[in-house]
N, C-alpha and C. Protein backbone atom coordinates (compact mmCIF):
# COMPACT_ATOMS: atom_id res chain seq x y z
N MET A 1 -31.34 23.12 -7.80
CA MET A 1 -31.58 24.23 -7.50
C MET A 1 -31.09 25.18 -6.64
N ALA A 2 -30.59 26.41 -7.22
CA ALA A 2 -29.82 27.30 -6.14
C ALA A 2 -30.65 28.13 -5.05
N SER A 3 -30.00 28.16 -4.26
CA SER A 3 -30.56 29.19 -3.25
C SER A 3 -31.21 30.14 -3.42
N ILE A 4 -32.50 30.63 -3.14
CA ILE A 4 -32.67 32.03 -3.43
C ILE A 4 -32.80 32.88 -2.36
N GLN A 5 -32.09 34.29 -2.59
CA GLN A 5 -31.70 35.06 -1.58
C GLN A 5 -32.48 36.22 -1.78
N PRO A 6 -33.10 36.80 -0.67
CA PRO A 6 -34.06 38.10 -0.98
C PRO A 6 -32.99 39.17 -1.23
N THR A 7 -33.85 40.12 -1.67
CA THR A 7 -33.26 41.32 -2.38
C THR A 7 -32.71 42.30 -1.03
N SER A 8 -31.97 43.23 -1.21
CA SER A 8 -31.80 44.25 0.20
C SER A 8 -32.80 44.83 0.64
N SER A 9 -33.63 45.34 -0.52
CA SER A 9 -35.08 45.97 0.42
C SER A 9 -35.81 45.22 0.93
N GLU A 10 -35.86 43.88 0.08
CA GLU A 10 -36.85 42.68 1.15
C GLU A 10 -36.46 42.44 2.45
N LEU A 11 -34.97 42.52 2.43
CA LEU A 11 -34.51 42.02 3.66
C LEU A 11 -34.59 42.96 4.83
N SER A 12 -34.66 44.41 4.14
CA SER A 12 -35.02 45.41 5.37
C SER A 12 -36.45 45.48 5.78
N ILE A 13 -37.63 44.90 4.86
CA ILE A 13 -38.60 44.93 5.13
C ILE A 13 -39.28 43.87 6.41
N PHE A 14 -38.27 42.66 6.07
CA PHE A 14 -38.90 41.56 6.92
C PHE A 14 -37.97 41.73 8.28
N LEU A 15 -36.97 42.28 8.04
CA LEU A 15 -36.19 41.94 9.59
C LEU A 15 -36.75 42.39 10.43
N SER A 16 -37.77 43.38 10.56
CA SER A 16 -38.30 44.05 11.68
C SER A 16 -39.67 43.13 11.92
N ARG A 17 -40.14 42.36 11.09
CA ARG A 17 -41.34 41.39 11.02
C ARG A 17 -40.96 39.93 11.39
N LEU A 18 -39.81 39.66 11.92
CA LEU A 18 -39.46 38.25 11.94
C LEU A 18 -40.19 37.38 13.16
N ARG A 19 -40.73 38.11 13.90
CA ARG A 19 -41.18 37.54 15.12
C ARG A 19 -42.74 38.04 15.25
N ASP A 20 -43.24 38.66 14.24
CA ASP A 20 -44.40 39.05 14.34
C ASP A 20 -45.53 37.79 14.07
N TYR A 21 -45.42 36.91 13.52
CA TYR A 21 -45.97 35.51 13.55
C TYR A 21 -45.05 34.14 14.12
N THR A 22 -45.55 33.37 14.63
CA THR A 22 -45.06 32.17 15.03
C THR A 22 -45.64 31.15 13.61
N PHE A 23 -44.51 30.33 13.13
CA PHE A 23 -44.72 29.33 12.29
C PHE A 23 -44.71 27.82 12.88
N PHE A 24 -45.49 26.86 12.50
CA PHE A 24 -45.45 25.62 13.11
C PHE A 24 -45.10 24.84 11.93
N THR A 25 -44.12 23.97 12.03
CA THR A 25 -43.81 23.03 10.84
C THR A 25 -44.24 21.71 11.32
N ASP A 26 -44.97 21.07 10.49
CA ASP A 26 -45.76 19.87 10.82
C ASP A 26 -44.70 18.85 10.51
N ARG A 27 -44.86 17.50 10.67
CA ARG A 27 -43.77 16.49 10.49
C ARG A 27 -43.00 16.35 9.31
N ASP A 28 -44.04 16.78 8.29
CA ASP A 28 -43.63 16.74 6.74
C ASP A 28 -42.40 18.01 6.40
N SER A 29 -42.52 18.89 7.27
CA SER A 29 -41.87 20.01 7.01
C SER A 29 -40.48 20.30 8.10
N ASP A 30 -40.25 18.92 8.69
CA ASP A 30 -39.25 18.97 9.71
C ASP A 30 -37.96 19.13 9.10
N GLY A 31 -36.99 18.75 9.81
CA GLY A 31 -35.41 18.56 9.32
C GLY A 31 -35.01 20.06 8.84
N ASP A 32 -34.66 19.90 7.51
CA ASP A 32 -33.81 21.26 6.77
C ASP A 32 -34.76 22.07 6.75
N PHE A 33 -36.10 22.01 6.09
CA PHE A 33 -36.84 22.97 6.07
C PHE A 33 -37.12 24.05 7.45
N HIS A 34 -37.42 23.18 8.49
CA HIS A 34 -37.69 23.70 10.01
C HIS A 34 -36.05 24.34 10.37
N ASN A 35 -35.29 23.88 10.23
CA ASN A 35 -33.80 24.48 10.18
C ASN A 35 -33.60 25.88 9.47
N ALA A 36 -34.08 25.82 8.22
CA ALA A 36 -33.97 27.10 7.57
C ALA A 36 -34.68 28.32 8.25
N LEU A 37 -36.01 28.00 8.66
CA LEU A 37 -36.63 28.75 9.33
C LEU A 37 -35.94 29.33 10.70
N VAL A 38 -35.57 28.59 11.40
CA VAL A 38 -35.03 28.86 12.75
C VAL A 38 -33.56 29.52 12.47
N ALA A 39 -32.74 29.42 11.30
CA ALA A 39 -31.93 30.00 10.91
C ALA A 39 -32.10 31.50 10.52
N ALA A 40 -33.31 31.56 10.20
CA ALA A 40 -33.74 33.07 9.66
C ALA A 40 -34.14 33.75 10.81
N ASP A 41 -34.26 33.07 11.99
CA ASP A 41 -34.63 33.99 13.21
C ASP A 41 -36.03 34.27 13.23
N LEU A 42 -36.86 33.38 12.66
CA LEU A 42 -38.56 33.36 12.73
C LEU A 42 -38.63 32.71 14.16
N SER A 43 -39.54 32.87 14.53
CA SER A 43 -40.51 32.29 15.65
C SER A 43 -41.05 30.75 14.98
N VAL A 44 -40.28 29.85 15.45
CA VAL A 44 -40.95 28.62 14.96
C VAL A 44 -41.02 27.58 15.85
N GLU A 45 -42.31 26.85 15.93
CA GLU A 45 -42.42 25.61 16.60
C GLU A 45 -42.41 24.55 15.85
N ARG A 46 -41.83 23.24 16.71
CA ARG A 46 -41.54 22.03 15.72
C ARG A 46 -42.76 21.02 16.20
N HIS A 47 -43.34 20.03 15.20
CA HIS A 47 -44.37 19.34 15.77
C HIS A 47 -43.82 18.41 16.77
N ASP A 48 -42.74 17.76 16.68
CA ASP A 48 -42.50 16.88 17.84
C ASP A 48 -42.35 17.56 19.07
N SER A 49 -42.02 18.90 19.07
CA SER A 49 -42.24 19.53 20.40
C SER A 49 -43.18 19.79 21.17
N HIS A 50 -44.44 19.02 20.54
CA HIS A 50 -45.69 19.28 21.11
C HIS A 50 -46.39 17.93 20.82
N PHE A 51 -45.98 16.85 20.20
CA PHE A 51 -46.76 15.89 19.93
C PHE A 51 -45.47 14.74 20.31
N ASN A 52 -46.27 13.69 20.69
CA ASN A 52 -45.36 12.26 20.89
C ASN A 52 -44.70 11.84 19.45
N PRO A 53 -43.56 12.15 19.41
CA PRO A 53 -42.87 11.75 18.07
C PRO A 53 -43.15 10.33 17.57
N TRP A 54 -43.29 9.43 18.41
CA TRP A 54 -44.01 7.95 18.08
C TRP A 54 -45.13 7.91 17.85
N LYS A 55 -46.11 8.93 17.82
CA LYS A 55 -47.45 8.90 17.67
C LYS A 55 -47.83 9.29 16.43
N ILE A 56 -48.64 8.44 15.65
CA ILE A 56 -49.17 9.30 14.39
C ILE A 56 -50.17 10.36 14.83
N VAL A 57 -49.89 11.51 14.58
CA VAL A 57 -50.91 12.75 14.75
C VAL A 57 -51.70 13.13 13.57
N GLU A 58 -52.88 13.16 13.48
CA GLU A 58 -53.73 13.55 12.42
C GLU A 58 -53.70 15.08 11.88
N ASP A 59 -53.78 15.25 10.56
CA ASP A 59 -53.44 16.94 10.37
C ASP A 59 -54.45 17.59 10.93
N HIS A 60 -55.99 17.46 11.31
CA HIS A 60 -56.53 18.03 11.82
C HIS A 60 -56.27 18.52 13.24
N GLU A 61 -55.23 17.33 14.30
CA GLU A 61 -55.26 17.68 15.23
C GLU A 61 -54.05 18.66 15.56
N TRP A 62 -52.93 18.79 14.77
CA TRP A 62 -51.97 19.85 14.71
C TRP A 62 -52.42 21.25 14.41
N ILE A 63 -53.48 21.23 13.31
CA ILE A 63 -54.20 22.35 12.74
C ILE A 63 -54.78 23.01 13.78
N SER A 64 -55.47 22.23 14.47
CA SER A 64 -56.36 22.60 15.95
C SER A 64 -55.39 23.36 16.83
N LEU A 65 -54.27 22.52 17.19
CA LEU A 65 -53.21 23.20 18.18
C LEU A 65 -52.79 24.64 17.34
N CYS A 66 -52.44 24.89 16.16
CA CYS A 66 -52.10 26.21 15.44
C CYS A 66 -53.30 26.92 15.96
N ALA A 67 -54.35 26.80 15.38
CA ALA A 67 -55.67 27.80 15.41
C ALA A 67 -55.63 28.06 16.97
N ARG A 68 -55.65 27.38 17.79
CA ARG A 68 -55.83 27.80 19.50
C ARG A 68 -54.52 28.52 19.91
N ARG A 69 -53.59 28.25 19.37
CA ARG A 69 -52.22 29.22 19.86
C ARG A 69 -52.04 30.54 18.67
N GLY A 70 -52.75 30.42 17.73
CA GLY A 70 -52.64 31.68 16.88
C GLY A 70 -51.48 31.56 15.70
N TRP A 71 -50.87 30.31 15.79
CA TRP A 71 -49.52 30.00 15.21
C TRP A 71 -50.06 29.76 13.37
N ILE A 72 -49.30 29.80 12.69
CA ILE A 72 -49.44 29.84 11.11
C ILE A 72 -48.98 28.26 10.97
N GLY A 73 -49.72 27.38 10.48
CA GLY A 73 -49.28 25.71 10.10
C GLY A 73 -48.44 25.86 8.74
N VAL A 74 -47.61 25.30 8.59
CA VAL A 74 -46.77 25.06 7.37
C VAL A 74 -46.37 23.50 7.19
N THR A 75 -46.72 23.22 5.99
CA THR A 75 -46.56 21.83 5.49
C THR A 75 -46.21 21.78 3.96
N SER A 76 -45.83 20.52 3.29
CA SER A 76 -45.61 20.42 2.11
C SER A 76 -46.89 19.35 1.50
N ASP A 77 -47.65 19.04 2.56
CA ASP A 77 -48.78 18.02 2.09
C ASP A 77 -49.96 18.81 1.39
N ARG A 78 -49.95 18.68 0.41
CA ARG A 78 -51.30 19.31 -0.30
C ARG A 78 -52.43 18.42 -0.21
N ARG A 79 -52.21 17.16 0.12
CA ARG A 79 -53.24 16.42 0.12
C ARG A 79 -54.60 16.92 1.19
N ILE A 80 -54.03 17.55 2.37
CA ILE A 80 -54.85 18.05 3.32
C ILE A 80 -56.10 18.68 3.00
N ARG A 81 -56.11 19.50 1.93
CA ARG A 81 -57.01 20.22 1.38
C ARG A 81 -58.31 19.58 1.19
N GLY A 82 -58.02 18.05 0.78
CA GLY A 82 -59.41 17.46 0.63
C GLY A 82 -59.67 16.60 1.80
N ASN A 83 -59.22 16.70 2.93
CA ASN A 83 -59.74 16.04 4.04
C ASN A 83 -60.87 17.02 4.82
N PRO A 84 -62.00 16.29 4.93
CA PRO A 84 -63.40 17.07 5.56
C PRO A 84 -62.81 17.30 6.98
N LEU A 85 -61.99 16.45 7.76
CA LEU A 85 -62.12 16.79 9.18
C LEU A 85 -60.99 18.19 9.26
N VAL A 86 -60.04 18.02 8.33
CA VAL A 86 -58.85 19.33 8.12
C VAL A 86 -59.91 20.38 7.75
N GLN A 87 -60.77 20.54 7.02
CA GLN A 87 -61.49 21.60 6.67
C GLN A 87 -62.29 22.09 7.53
N ARG A 88 -62.76 21.40 8.48
CA ARG A 88 -63.54 21.72 9.50
C ARG A 88 -62.65 21.97 10.80
N ALA A 89 -61.40 21.76 10.77
CA ALA A 89 -60.32 22.29 11.82
C ALA A 89 -60.20 23.75 11.47
N ILE A 90 -60.01 23.95 10.27
CA ILE A 90 -59.46 25.25 9.67
C ILE A 90 -60.66 26.23 9.84
N ILE A 91 -61.75 25.89 9.60
CA ILE A 91 -62.90 26.71 9.66
C ILE A 91 -63.35 27.06 11.20
N GLY A 92 -63.60 25.77 11.83
CA GLY A 92 -63.99 26.13 13.40
C GLY A 92 -63.13 26.58 13.93
N GLY A 93 -61.84 26.58 13.91
CA GLY A 93 -60.68 27.10 14.60
C GLY A 93 -60.26 28.29 14.23
N GLN A 94 -60.59 28.74 12.70
CA GLN A 94 -60.16 30.21 12.20
C GLN A 94 -58.73 30.02 11.94
N ALA A 95 -57.95 28.60 11.56
CA ALA A 95 -56.78 28.21 11.46
C ALA A 95 -56.22 29.02 10.11
N ARG A 96 -54.99 29.18 9.96
CA ARG A 96 -54.03 29.52 9.11
C ARG A 96 -53.02 28.42 8.68
N VAL A 97 -53.11 27.93 7.50
CA VAL A 97 -52.13 26.91 7.07
C VAL A 97 -51.33 27.13 5.52
N LEU A 98 -50.18 27.38 5.63
CA LEU A 98 -49.47 27.38 4.49
C LEU A 98 -48.94 26.24 3.79
N ILE A 99 -49.08 25.96 2.50
CA ILE A 99 -48.53 24.71 1.94
C ILE A 99 -47.28 24.99 0.92
N ASN A 100 -46.29 24.49 1.06
CA ASN A 100 -45.29 24.59 -0.09
C ASN A 100 -45.48 23.59 -1.20
N ILE A 101 -45.61 24.57 -2.35
CA ILE A 101 -45.67 23.94 -3.63
C ILE A 101 -44.45 23.91 -4.64
N GLY A 102 -44.56 22.77 -5.19
CA GLY A 102 -43.21 22.34 -5.83
C GLY A 102 -42.27 21.40 -5.76
N LYS A 103 -41.70 21.00 -6.62
CA LYS A 103 -40.77 19.70 -6.53
C LYS A 103 -39.41 20.16 -5.78
N ALA A 104 -38.81 20.16 -4.76
CA ALA A 104 -37.64 20.32 -4.36
C ALA A 104 -37.47 19.82 -2.91
N THR A 105 -36.01 19.86 -2.57
CA THR A 105 -35.75 19.46 -1.25
C THR A 105 -36.07 20.16 -0.28
N HIS A 106 -36.03 19.85 1.15
CA HIS A 106 -36.81 20.55 2.28
C HIS A 106 -35.70 21.67 2.33
N ALA A 107 -34.56 21.69 2.10
CA ALA A 107 -33.51 22.79 2.14
C ALA A 107 -33.97 23.72 1.27
N GLU A 108 -33.87 23.47 0.26
CA GLU A 108 -34.78 24.28 -1.15
C GLU A 108 -35.70 24.89 -0.77
N LYS A 109 -37.10 24.26 -0.27
CA LYS A 109 -38.03 24.64 0.35
C LYS A 109 -38.06 25.63 1.28
N GLY A 110 -37.16 25.61 2.24
CA GLY A 110 -36.95 26.21 3.27
C GLY A 110 -36.10 27.81 2.78
N ALA A 111 -35.30 27.44 1.82
CA ALA A 111 -34.51 28.68 1.56
C ALA A 111 -35.51 29.39 0.54
N ASN A 112 -36.33 28.88 -0.29
CA ASN A 112 -37.44 29.78 -0.77
C ASN A 112 -38.42 30.28 0.12
N PHE A 113 -38.84 29.90 1.17
CA PHE A 113 -39.74 30.16 2.13
C PHE A 113 -39.35 31.56 2.74
N VAL A 114 -38.04 31.45 3.12
CA VAL A 114 -37.36 32.58 3.76
C VAL A 114 -37.03 33.71 2.86
N ALA A 115 -36.75 33.37 1.55
CA ALA A 115 -36.55 34.60 0.47
C ALA A 115 -38.18 35.04 0.34
N SER A 116 -39.13 34.39 0.36
CA SER A 116 -40.48 34.67 0.09
C SER A 116 -41.36 35.51 1.33
N LEU A 117 -40.53 35.82 2.51
CA LEU A 117 -41.11 36.42 3.46
C LEU A 117 -41.67 37.49 3.30
N GLY A 118 -41.23 38.52 2.25
CA GLY A 118 -41.95 39.57 1.79
C GLY A 118 -43.24 39.35 1.44
N LEU A 119 -43.47 38.51 0.53
CA LEU A 119 -44.57 37.85 -0.10
C LEU A 119 -45.62 37.35 1.21
N ILE A 120 -44.84 36.52 1.86
CA ILE A 120 -45.86 35.72 3.10
C ILE A 120 -46.37 36.68 3.96
N PHE A 121 -45.65 37.54 4.60
CA PHE A 121 -45.90 38.65 5.42
C PHE A 121 -47.29 39.53 5.09
N ALA A 122 -47.02 39.91 3.60
CA ALA A 122 -48.25 40.78 2.94
C ALA A 122 -49.44 40.03 2.91
N PHE A 123 -49.28 38.65 2.42
CA PHE A 123 -50.36 37.66 2.56
C PHE A 123 -51.10 37.58 3.97
N LEU A 124 -50.25 37.65 4.74
CA LEU A 124 -50.77 37.20 6.20
C LEU A 124 -51.36 38.49 6.68
N ASP A 125 -50.89 39.68 6.23
CA ASP A 125 -51.31 40.76 7.19
C ASP A 125 -52.49 41.33 6.20
N SER A 126 -53.17 40.71 4.65
CA SER A 126 -54.06 41.15 4.31
C SER A 126 -55.08 39.99 4.26
N THR A 127 -54.91 38.74 4.58
CA THR A 127 -56.00 37.69 4.50
C THR A 127 -56.54 37.23 5.65
N PRO A 128 -57.88 37.42 6.27
CA PRO A 128 -58.24 37.02 7.57
C PRO A 128 -58.46 35.72 7.42
N ALA A 129 -57.91 35.02 8.65
CA ALA A 129 -58.40 33.62 8.62
C ALA A 129 -59.93 33.15 8.45
N PRO A 130 -60.21 32.09 8.25
CA PRO A 130 -59.74 30.95 7.96
C PRO A 130 -59.12 30.61 6.64
N TRP A 131 -57.93 30.01 6.46
CA TRP A 131 -57.80 29.56 5.11
C TRP A 131 -56.38 28.49 4.98
N ILE A 132 -56.38 27.90 3.84
CA ILE A 132 -55.41 27.49 3.28
C ILE A 132 -54.66 28.00 2.18
N ALA A 133 -53.47 28.15 1.70
CA ALA A 133 -52.76 29.00 0.84
C ALA A 133 -51.40 28.17 0.64
N LYS A 134 -51.05 28.67 -0.88
CA LYS A 134 -49.97 27.80 -1.41
C LYS A 134 -48.65 28.76 -1.61
N VAL A 135 -47.55 28.66 -1.12
CA VAL A 135 -46.23 29.26 -1.12
C VAL A 135 -45.58 28.66 -2.47
N TYR A 136 -45.57 29.39 -3.52
CA TYR A 136 -44.71 28.59 -4.76
C TYR A 136 -43.30 28.67 -4.61
N LEU A 137 -42.49 28.07 -5.37
CA LEU A 137 -41.15 28.11 -5.38
C LEU A 137 -40.99 29.48 -6.16
N ARG A 138 -39.52 29.75 -6.14
CA ARG A 138 -39.13 30.68 -6.99
C ARG A 138 -39.68 31.94 -6.86
N ARG A 139 -40.36 32.23 -5.68
CA ARG A 139 -41.17 33.54 -5.00
C ARG A 139 -42.06 33.88 -5.86
N GLU A 140 -42.64 32.76 -6.42
CA GLU A 140 -44.11 33.34 -7.35
C GLU A 140 -45.01 33.52 -6.83
N GLY A 141 -45.07 33.73 -5.32
CA GLY A 141 -46.31 34.20 -4.96
C GLY A 141 -46.79 33.21 -3.87
N VAL A 142 -47.93 33.72 -3.21
CA VAL A 142 -48.54 33.02 -2.28
C VAL A 142 -50.00 33.25 -2.60
N ARG A 143 -50.75 32.12 -2.68
CA ARG A 143 -52.24 32.11 -3.26
C ARG A 143 -53.27 31.37 -2.23
N LEU A 144 -54.18 32.01 -2.10
CA LEU A 144 -55.29 31.53 -1.20
C LEU A 144 -55.96 30.12 -2.17
N TRP A 145 -55.96 29.24 -1.21
CA TRP A 145 -56.49 27.75 -1.99
C TRP A 145 -57.71 27.34 -1.35
N PHE A 146 -57.88 27.32 -0.05
CA PHE A 146 -59.37 27.22 0.56
C PHE A 146 -59.75 28.20 1.57
N SER A 147 -60.89 28.61 1.77
CA SER A 147 -61.35 29.12 2.68
C SER A 147 -62.72 29.30 2.91
N THR A 148 -63.46 30.05 3.76
CA THR A 148 -65.08 29.89 3.93
C THR A 148 -65.80 29.68 2.78
N SER A 149 -65.53 30.02 1.84
CA SER A 149 -66.12 29.96 0.56
C SER A 149 -66.00 28.99 -0.35
N SER A 150 -65.04 28.09 0.20
CA SER A 150 -64.72 26.99 -0.73
C SER A 150 -65.75 25.91 -0.53
N HIS A 151 -65.82 24.70 -1.27
CA HIS A 151 -66.79 23.44 -0.93
C HIS A 151 -66.36 22.82 0.15
N ILE A 152 -67.00 22.35 1.11
CA ILE A 152 -66.73 21.61 2.24
C ILE A 152 -67.15 20.28 1.99
N ARG A 153 -65.95 19.21 2.16
CA ARG A 153 -66.54 17.89 1.90
C ARG A 153 -67.42 17.25 3.06
N PRO A 154 -68.36 16.55 2.79
CA PRO A 154 -69.20 15.94 3.68
C PRO A 154 -68.07 15.06 4.21
N LEU A 155 -68.68 14.68 5.86
CA LEU A 155 -67.78 13.54 6.34
C LEU A 155 -68.00 12.24 5.91
């Protein structure tokens, strides 16, 4: 998959917005994905900077941290949507989580995320928390996937 580059008009739109939001990359999105966001000069927090790298951290724990700090969580783990503890952490904490959708390397997903910043910022600006949203490859958009109107699974 070729690297996706933003158009010049998209570039000018989001260059002034790079520090409007802080993104938190979970352990699943560390490495090349995280590095792509840092290289784009986004405000990014790394999972292992906040949690012991040798401890298994449940998804609801890092999501609760994101909610408390006002960060946008980013993961590639689409299974979190069905986890009742995650659902409660998102709704109770007013959390916002973006899930990278599609089969690609972490570097390709990072390039897509950066190229999609105009779409991502528009979604963030227009969609109040709490939610989980999907970020699709090839700049196909950002779509709401879970919110307060979604079915919450019992514990």
